[in-house]
Amino acid sequence: MLFKKKTTEEAAGTKRFQVKLTEQLPELGQITILVDTATGVNYIQTWVGTGGGITPLLDANGDVVVEEGYRS
């Protein structure tokens, strides 16, 4: 769509995702941890060569990592 209506967050200038950590891994690529500011869910984003991916970050028990204060 060429002209899209802005969301409330976009109109207010707030961003949905924040970068928590970025690491460069020699000969492997870049890994970034993102936090969804609406839900507190952490995501791991990888960038290797010309490709990349994103998935929820899991703890040692296989549960999704959620920032404190967002847990219900």
N, C-alpha and C. Protein backbone atom coordinates (compact mmCIF):
# COMPACT_ATOMS: atom_id res chain seq x y z
N MET A 1 0.84 -1.16 0.00
CA MET A 1 0.00 0.00 0.00
C MET A 1 0.89 1.23 0.00
N LEU A 2 0.60 2.15 -0.88
CA LEU A 2 1.44 3.33 -1.03
C LEU A 2 1.29 4.30 0.13
N PHE A 3 0.07 4.57 0.53
CA PHE A 3 -0.17 5.49 1.64
C PHE A 3 -0.86 4.72 2.76
N LYS A 4 -0.12 4.46 3.80
CA LYS A 4 -0.65 3.67 4.92
C LYS A 4 -0.93 4.59 6.10
N LYS A 5 -2.05 4.37 6.76
CA LYS A 5 -2.37 5.13 7.96
C LYS A 5 -1.41 4.73 9.07
N LYS A 6 -0.86 5.70 9.77
CA LYS A 6 0.09 5.42 10.85
C LYS A 6 -0.64 4.84 12.06
N THR A 7 0.05 3.92 12.74
CA THR A 7 -0.49 3.39 13.99
C THR A 7 -0.34 4.45 15.08
N THR A 8 -0.98 4.23 16.20
CA THR A 8 -0.88 5.17 17.32
C THR A 8 0.57 5.33 17.76
N GLU A 9 1.31 4.19 17.80
CA GLU A 9 2.72 4.23 18.21
C GLU A 9 3.55 5.04 17.22
N GLU A 10 3.32 4.83 15.91
CA GLU A 10 4.07 5.56 14.90
C GLU A 10 3.77 7.05 14.98
N ALA A 11 2.51 7.39 15.18
CA ALA A 11 2.12 8.80 15.27
C ALA A 11 2.74 9.47 16.49
N ALA A 12 2.86 8.72 17.58
CA ALA A 12 3.44 9.27 18.81
C ALA A 12 4.96 9.28 18.77
N GLY A 13 5.56 8.62 17.78
CA GLY A 13 7.01 8.58 17.67
C GLY A 13 7.65 7.49 18.51
N THR A 14 6.86 6.60 19.11
CA THR A 14 7.41 5.50 19.88
C THR A 14 7.68 4.32 18.97
N LYS A 15 8.66 3.53 19.32
CA LYS A 15 9.03 2.37 18.52
C LYS A 15 8.58 1.09 19.20
N ARG A 16 8.11 0.15 18.41
CA ARG A 16 7.61 -1.12 18.94
C ARG A 16 8.76 -1.97 19.47
N PHE A 17 9.92 -1.96 18.80
CA PHE A 17 11.05 -2.79 19.20
C PHE A 17 12.24 -1.95 19.62
N GLN A 18 12.94 -2.42 20.66
CA GLN A 18 14.17 -1.78 21.11
C GLN A 18 15.31 -2.79 21.03
N VAL A 19 16.48 -2.32 20.66
CA VAL A 19 17.66 -3.18 20.61
C VAL A 19 18.22 -3.29 22.02
N LYS A 20 18.31 -4.52 22.51
CA LYS A 20 18.83 -4.78 23.85
C LYS A 20 20.33 -5.07 23.80
N LEU A 21 20.77 -5.78 22.76
CA LEU A 21 22.17 -6.20 22.65
C LEU A 21 22.49 -6.49 21.19
N THR A 22 23.68 -6.12 20.75
CA THR A 22 24.17 -6.48 19.41
C THR A 22 25.59 -6.99 19.55
N GLU A 23 25.86 -8.14 18.94
CA GLU A 23 27.21 -8.72 18.97
C GLU A 23 27.63 -9.10 17.57
N GLN A 24 28.89 -8.80 17.25
CA GLN A 24 29.50 -9.25 16.01
C GLN A 24 30.28 -10.52 16.31
N LEU A 25 30.01 -11.57 15.59
CA LEU A 25 30.72 -12.83 15.78
C LEU A 25 31.64 -13.04 14.59
N PRO A 26 32.96 -13.07 14.82
CA PRO A 26 33.92 -13.20 13.73
C PRO A 26 33.58 -14.41 12.84
N GLU A 27 33.60 -14.14 11.54
CA GLU A 27 33.37 -15.17 10.53
C GLU A 27 32.00 -15.84 10.63
N LEU A 28 31.10 -15.28 11.42
CA LEU A 28 29.76 -15.85 11.53
C LEU A 28 28.69 -14.83 11.19
N GLY A 29 28.79 -13.63 11.72
CA GLY A 29 27.80 -12.60 11.42
C GLY A 29 27.44 -11.78 12.63
N GLN A 30 26.22 -11.30 12.64
CA GLN A 30 25.75 -10.42 13.71
C GLN A 30 24.53 -11.04 14.38
N ILE A 31 24.48 -10.91 15.70
CA ILE A 31 23.34 -11.36 16.48
C ILE A 31 22.82 -10.16 17.27
N THR A 32 21.51 -9.96 17.22
CA THR A 32 20.87 -8.85 17.92
C THR A 32 19.74 -9.39 18.77
N ILE A 33 19.62 -8.90 20.00
CA ILE A 33 18.49 -9.22 20.85
C ILE A 33 17.56 -8.01 20.82
N LEU A 34 16.31 -8.25 20.43
CA LEU A 34 15.30 -7.20 20.36
C LEU A 34 14.25 -7.43 21.43
N VAL A 35 13.67 -6.37 21.96
CA VAL A 35 12.59 -6.47 22.94
C VAL A 35 11.36 -5.80 22.35
N ASP A 36 10.25 -6.53 22.33
CA ASP A 36 8.97 -5.98 21.91
C ASP A 36 8.44 -5.15 23.07
N THR A 37 8.35 -3.84 22.89
CA THR A 37 7.96 -2.96 24.00
C THR A 37 6.49 -3.10 24.37
N ALA A 38 5.70 -3.73 23.52
CA ALA A 38 4.28 -3.92 23.83
C ALA A 38 4.04 -5.17 24.67
N THR A 39 4.87 -6.20 24.47
CA THR A 39 4.66 -7.48 25.16
C THR A 39 5.79 -7.87 26.09
N GLY A 40 6.98 -7.30 25.91
CA GLY A 40 8.14 -7.66 26.70
C GLY A 40 8.87 -8.89 26.19
N VAL A 41 8.38 -9.49 25.11
CA VAL A 41 9.00 -10.70 24.55
C VAL A 41 10.34 -10.33 23.92
N ASN A 42 11.36 -11.17 24.18
CA ASN A 42 12.69 -10.99 23.59
C ASN A 42 12.80 -11.84 22.33
N TYR A 43 13.41 -11.28 21.30
CA TYR A 43 13.63 -11.99 20.05
C TYR A 43 15.12 -11.98 19.74
N ILE A 44 15.59 -13.04 19.08
CA ILE A 44 16.98 -13.08 18.61
C ILE A 44 16.95 -12.97 17.10
N GLN A 45 17.70 -12.00 16.60
CA GLN A 45 17.79 -11.78 15.17
C GLN A 45 19.21 -12.08 14.73
N THR A 46 19.35 -12.86 13.67
CA THR A 46 20.67 -13.18 13.15
C THR A 46 20.82 -12.59 11.76
N TRP A 47 22.04 -12.21 11.47
CA TRP A 47 22.37 -11.71 10.14
C TRP A 47 23.70 -12.32 9.75
N VAL A 48 23.65 -13.23 8.76
CA VAL A 48 24.84 -13.93 8.31
C VAL A 48 24.94 -13.76 6.81
N GLY A 49 26.02 -13.14 6.35
CA GLY A 49 26.19 -12.92 4.91
C GLY A 49 25.06 -12.10 4.34
N THR A 50 24.31 -12.69 3.43
CA THR A 50 23.21 -11.97 2.79
C THR A 50 21.84 -12.41 3.29
N GLY A 51 21.80 -13.20 4.35
CA GLY A 51 20.53 -13.68 4.87
C GLY A 51 20.42 -13.48 6.36
N GLY A 52 19.20 -13.62 6.84
CA GLY A 52 18.99 -13.46 8.27
C GLY A 52 17.69 -14.09 8.70
N GLY A 53 17.43 -14.01 10.00
CA GLY A 53 16.21 -14.56 10.53
C GLY A 53 15.93 -14.00 11.91
N ILE A 54 14.72 -14.27 12.39
CA ILE A 54 14.32 -13.79 13.70
C ILE A 54 13.42 -14.85 14.33
N THR A 55 13.58 -15.06 15.65
CA THR A 55 12.78 -16.03 16.38
C THR A 55 12.72 -15.60 17.85
N PRO A 56 11.69 -16.01 18.58
CA PRO A 56 11.65 -15.70 20.01
C PRO A 56 12.87 -16.30 20.72
N LEU A 57 13.41 -15.59 21.69
CA LEU A 57 14.53 -16.06 22.48
C LEU A 57 13.99 -16.98 23.58
N LEU A 58 14.59 -18.15 23.74
CA LEU A 58 14.15 -19.13 24.72
C LEU A 58 15.14 -19.24 25.87
N ASP A 59 14.64 -19.55 27.07
CA ASP A 59 15.51 -19.78 28.21
C ASP A 59 15.92 -21.25 28.26
N ALA A 60 16.61 -21.67 29.31
CA ALA A 60 17.12 -23.04 29.43
C ALA A 60 16.00 -24.09 29.48
N ASN A 61 14.80 -23.68 29.88
CA ASN A 61 13.67 -24.60 29.95
C ASN A 61 12.83 -24.62 28.68
N GLY A 62 13.21 -23.82 27.69
CA GLY A 62 12.46 -23.75 26.45
C GLY A 62 11.31 -22.77 26.48
N ASP A 63 11.24 -21.95 27.52
CA ASP A 63 10.19 -20.93 27.63
C ASP A 63 10.66 -19.63 27.00
N VAL A 64 9.72 -18.88 26.44
CA VAL A 64 10.04 -17.60 25.83
C VAL A 64 10.51 -16.62 26.91
N VAL A 65 11.59 -15.89 26.63
CA VAL A 65 12.11 -14.90 27.57
C VAL A 65 11.27 -13.63 27.48
N VAL A 66 10.72 -13.23 28.65
CA VAL A 66 9.89 -12.02 28.73
C VAL A 66 10.50 -11.11 29.79
N GLU A 67 10.62 -9.82 29.46
CA GLU A 67 11.17 -8.85 30.38
C GLU A 67 10.34 -8.77 31.65
N GLU A 68 11.00 -8.48 32.77
CA GLU A 68 10.30 -8.28 34.04
C GLU A 68 9.29 -7.15 33.89
N GLY A 69 8.17 -7.26 34.57
CA GLY A 69 7.15 -6.24 34.51
C GLY A 69 6.10 -6.50 33.44
N TYR A 70 6.37 -7.43 32.52
CA TYR A 70 5.42 -7.77 31.47
C TYR A 70 4.74 -9.09 31.75
N ARG A 71 5.28 -9.87 32.68
CA ARG A 71 4.71 -11.18 32.96
C ARG A 71 3.36 -11.03 33.64
N SER A 72 2.44 -11.92 33.26
CA SER A 72 1.10 -11.84 33.87
C SER A 72 0.92 -12.89 34.93
